[in-house]
Amino acid sequence: MTTNTTSIKLLNTTEAANQLGLKKNTLEIWRWRGCGPAYKKIGNSVRYSESDLLDYIESQTRNSTSGHAI
């Protein structure tokens, strides 16, 4: 058996929403719509990894408020 020394921090929906400055309900709606940050389903539990939240935040970077670049 191999021991992994890297700890994976998984957050529940409330914790993830707090990290993003959102309401828990927003993440629940996004999951239902198929958008928002990636998540993991472990048994009946939904969990978000910190790295997935960071990836999602980075993917939301914009340079303009318009829908398309000039």
N, C-alpha and C. Protein backbone atom coordinates (compact mmCIF):
# COMPACT_ATOMS: atom_id res chain seq x y z
N MET A 1 0.84 -1.17 0.00
CA MET A 1 0.00 0.00 0.00
C MET A 1 0.89 1.23 0.00
N THR A 2 0.55 2.20 -0.86
CA THR A 2 1.30 3.45 -0.95
C THR A 2 0.62 4.51 -0.11
N THR A 3 1.40 5.24 0.67
CA THR A 3 0.86 6.32 1.48
C THR A 3 1.09 7.64 0.77
N ASN A 4 0.02 8.39 0.57
CA ASN A 4 0.11 9.69 -0.07
C ASN A 4 0.26 10.75 1.02
N THR A 5 1.34 11.50 0.97
CA THR A 5 1.57 12.51 2.00
C THR A 5 0.89 13.83 1.69
N THR A 6 0.35 13.97 0.47
CA THR A 6 -0.37 15.18 0.11
C THR A 6 -1.80 15.09 0.62
N SER A 7 -2.21 16.07 1.39
CA SER A 7 -3.55 16.09 1.94
C SER A 7 -4.49 16.80 0.96
N ILE A 8 -5.62 16.18 0.71
CA ILE A 8 -6.63 16.78 -0.16
C ILE A 8 -7.71 17.38 0.72
N LYS A 9 -7.89 18.68 0.58
CA LYS A 9 -8.91 19.39 1.37
C LYS A 9 -10.19 19.43 0.56
N LEU A 10 -11.23 18.78 1.07
CA LEU A 10 -12.54 18.79 0.43
C LEU A 10 -13.50 19.61 1.28
N LEU A 11 -14.26 20.46 0.61
CA LEU A 11 -15.20 21.34 1.28
C LEU A 11 -16.63 20.92 0.96
N ASN A 12 -17.53 21.05 1.92
CA ASN A 12 -18.93 20.81 1.63
C ASN A 12 -19.50 22.04 0.91
N THR A 13 -20.75 22.01 0.53
CA THR A 13 -21.34 23.08 -0.26
C THR A 13 -21.32 24.41 0.48
N THR A 14 -21.63 24.41 1.76
CA THR A 14 -21.63 25.64 2.54
C THR A 14 -20.23 26.24 2.61
N GLU A 15 -19.23 25.41 2.87
CA GLU A 15 -17.85 25.89 2.95
C GLU A 15 -17.37 26.43 1.61
N ALA A 16 -17.71 25.72 0.53
CA ALA A 16 -17.30 26.17 -0.81
C ALA A 16 -17.97 27.50 -1.15
N ALA A 17 -19.25 27.62 -0.84
CA ALA A 17 -19.97 28.87 -1.10
C ALA A 17 -19.32 30.02 -0.33
N ASN A 18 -18.96 29.78 0.90
CA ASN A 18 -18.30 30.81 1.70
C ASN A 18 -16.98 31.23 1.07
N GLN A 19 -16.21 30.26 0.55
CA GLN A 19 -14.94 30.56 -0.10
C GLN A 19 -15.14 31.45 -1.32
N LEU A 20 -16.25 31.25 -2.02
CA LEU A 20 -16.53 32.00 -3.24
C LEU A 20 -17.33 33.27 -2.99
N GLY A 21 -17.78 33.46 -1.76
CA GLY A 21 -18.59 34.63 -1.44
C GLY A 21 -20.00 34.52 -2.01
N LEU A 22 -20.51 33.30 -2.08
CA LEU A 22 -21.83 33.03 -2.62
C LEU A 22 -22.72 32.39 -1.58
N LYS A 23 -24.00 32.29 -1.90
CA LYS A 23 -24.93 31.55 -1.05
C LYS A 23 -24.87 30.06 -1.44
N LYS A 24 -25.10 29.22 -0.47
CA LYS A 24 -25.11 27.76 -0.69
C LYS A 24 -26.07 27.41 -1.83
N ASN A 25 -27.21 28.07 -1.84
CA ASN A 25 -28.24 27.81 -2.84
C ASN A 25 -27.73 28.07 -4.26
N THR A 26 -26.85 29.05 -4.41
CA THR A 26 -26.30 29.35 -5.73
C THR A 26 -25.53 28.15 -6.28
N LEU A 27 -24.69 27.54 -5.46
CA LEU A 27 -23.94 26.35 -5.91
C LEU A 27 -24.89 25.19 -6.21
N GLU A 28 -25.94 25.04 -5.41
CA GLU A 28 -26.90 23.97 -5.66
C GLU A 28 -27.59 24.17 -7.00
N ILE A 29 -27.97 25.41 -7.31
CA ILE A 29 -28.61 25.71 -8.60
C ILE A 29 -27.62 25.49 -9.74
N TRP A 30 -26.40 25.94 -9.56
CA TRP A 30 -25.39 25.74 -10.60
C TRP A 30 -25.17 24.27 -10.88
N ARG A 31 -25.12 23.42 -9.85
CA ARG A 31 -24.95 21.98 -10.07
C ARG A 31 -26.12 21.44 -10.89
N TRP A 32 -27.32 21.86 -10.56
CA TRP A 32 -28.51 21.40 -11.27
C TRP A 32 -28.46 21.83 -12.73
N ARG A 33 -27.95 23.05 -13.00
CA ARG A 33 -27.85 23.58 -14.36
C ARG A 33 -26.63 23.04 -15.11
N GLY A 34 -25.70 22.44 -14.39
CA GLY A 34 -24.50 21.91 -15.02
C GLY A 34 -23.43 22.95 -15.25
N CYS A 35 -23.40 23.99 -14.43
CA CYS A 35 -22.37 25.01 -14.56
C CYS A 35 -21.72 25.23 -13.19
N GLY A 36 -20.80 26.16 -13.12
CA GLY A 36 -20.11 26.43 -11.86
C GLY A 36 -18.89 25.55 -11.70
N PRO A 37 -18.30 25.58 -10.50
CA PRO A 37 -17.08 24.82 -10.28
C PRO A 37 -17.32 23.31 -10.30
N ALA A 38 -16.28 22.58 -10.67
CA ALA A 38 -16.34 21.12 -10.64
C ALA A 38 -16.54 20.66 -9.19
N TYR A 39 -17.20 19.53 -9.04
CA TYR A 39 -17.42 18.97 -7.70
C TYR A 39 -17.29 17.47 -7.76
N LYS A 40 -17.19 16.88 -6.60
CA LYS A 40 -17.10 15.44 -6.48
C LYS A 40 -18.33 14.92 -5.74
N LYS A 41 -18.81 13.78 -6.15
CA LYS A 41 -19.93 13.13 -5.48
C LYS A 41 -19.36 11.89 -4.81
N ILE A 42 -19.34 11.90 -3.50
CA ILE A 42 -18.80 10.79 -2.72
C ILE A 42 -19.96 10.22 -1.91
N GLY A 43 -20.45 9.08 -2.34
CA GLY A 43 -21.66 8.54 -1.73
C GLY A 43 -22.80 9.51 -2.02
N ASN A 44 -23.47 9.97 -0.96
CA ASN A 44 -24.54 10.96 -1.12
C ASN A 44 -24.06 12.38 -0.87
N SER A 45 -22.77 12.53 -0.65
CA SER A 45 -22.22 13.84 -0.30
C SER A 45 -21.59 14.52 -1.51
N VAL A 46 -21.78 15.83 -1.58
CA VAL A 46 -21.14 16.65 -2.60
C VAL A 46 -19.97 17.36 -1.94
N ARG A 47 -18.81 17.30 -2.58
CA ARG A 47 -17.61 17.94 -2.05
C ARG A 47 -16.89 18.69 -3.17
N TYR A 48 -16.29 19.80 -2.79
CA TYR A 48 -15.50 20.62 -3.70
C TYR A 48 -14.06 20.61 -3.23
N SER A 49 -13.13 20.37 -4.14
CA SER A 49 -11.72 20.46 -3.75
C SER A 49 -11.29 21.91 -3.86
N GLU A 50 -10.37 22.30 -3.01
CA GLU A 50 -9.87 23.67 -3.06
C GLU A 50 -9.24 23.97 -4.42
N SER A 51 -8.55 22.99 -5.01
CA SER A 51 -7.92 23.22 -6.31
C SER A 51 -8.98 23.44 -7.40
N ASP A 52 -10.10 22.72 -7.35
CA ASP A 52 -11.18 22.94 -8.32
C ASP A 52 -11.79 24.33 -8.17
N LEU A 53 -11.92 24.80 -6.92
CA LEU A 53 -12.45 26.15 -6.70
C LEU A 53 -11.49 27.19 -7.25
N LEU A 54 -10.20 27.00 -7.02
CA LEU A 54 -9.21 27.94 -7.57
C LEU A 54 -9.22 27.93 -9.09
N ASP A 55 -9.33 26.75 -9.69
CA ASP A 55 -9.41 26.64 -11.15
C ASP A 55 -10.64 27.39 -11.67
N TYR A 56 -11.76 27.24 -10.98
CA TYR A 56 -12.99 27.91 -11.40
C TYR A 56 -12.81 29.43 -11.31
N ILE A 57 -12.24 29.90 -10.21
CA ILE A 57 -12.01 31.34 -10.05
C ILE A 57 -11.14 31.86 -11.18
N GLU A 58 -10.06 31.14 -11.49
CA GLU A 58 -9.17 31.57 -12.57
C GLU A 58 -9.89 31.58 -13.92
N SER A 59 -10.79 30.65 -14.12
CA SER A 59 -11.50 30.57 -15.40
C SER A 59 -12.50 31.71 -15.58
N GLN A 60 -12.80 32.42 -14.52
CA GLN A 60 -13.77 33.51 -14.58
C GLN A 60 -13.13 34.86 -14.85
N THR A 61 -11.83 34.91 -15.08
CA THR A 61 -11.14 36.16 -15.35
C THR A 61 -11.62 36.74 -16.68
N ARG A 62 -11.96 38.01 -16.65
CA ARG A 62 -12.43 38.72 -17.83
C ARG A 62 -11.63 40.00 -18.02
N ASN A 63 -11.53 40.47 -19.26
CA ASN A 63 -10.86 41.72 -19.57
C ASN A 63 -11.82 42.81 -20.01
N SER A 64 -13.09 42.45 -20.18
CA SER A 64 -14.07 43.41 -20.67
C SER A 64 -15.44 43.03 -20.13
N THR A 65 -16.31 44.02 -20.02
CA THR A 65 -17.68 43.75 -19.59
C THR A 65 -18.58 43.38 -20.76
N SER A 66 -18.09 43.55 -22.00
CA SER A 66 -18.87 43.18 -23.16
C SER A 66 -18.82 41.67 -23.36
N GLY A 67 -19.74 41.17 -24.14
CA GLY A 67 -19.81 39.74 -24.37
C GLY A 67 -18.73 39.20 -25.28
N HIS A 68 -18.05 40.09 -25.99
CA HIS A 68 -17.01 39.63 -26.92
C HIS A 68 -15.87 40.64 -26.96
N ALA A 69 -14.74 40.17 -27.35
CA ALA A 69 -13.54 41.03 -27.40
C ALA A 69 -13.58 41.93 -28.64
N ILE A 70 -12.88 43.02 -28.56
CA ILE A 70 -12.82 43.96 -29.68
C ILE A 70 -11.73 43.52 -30.64
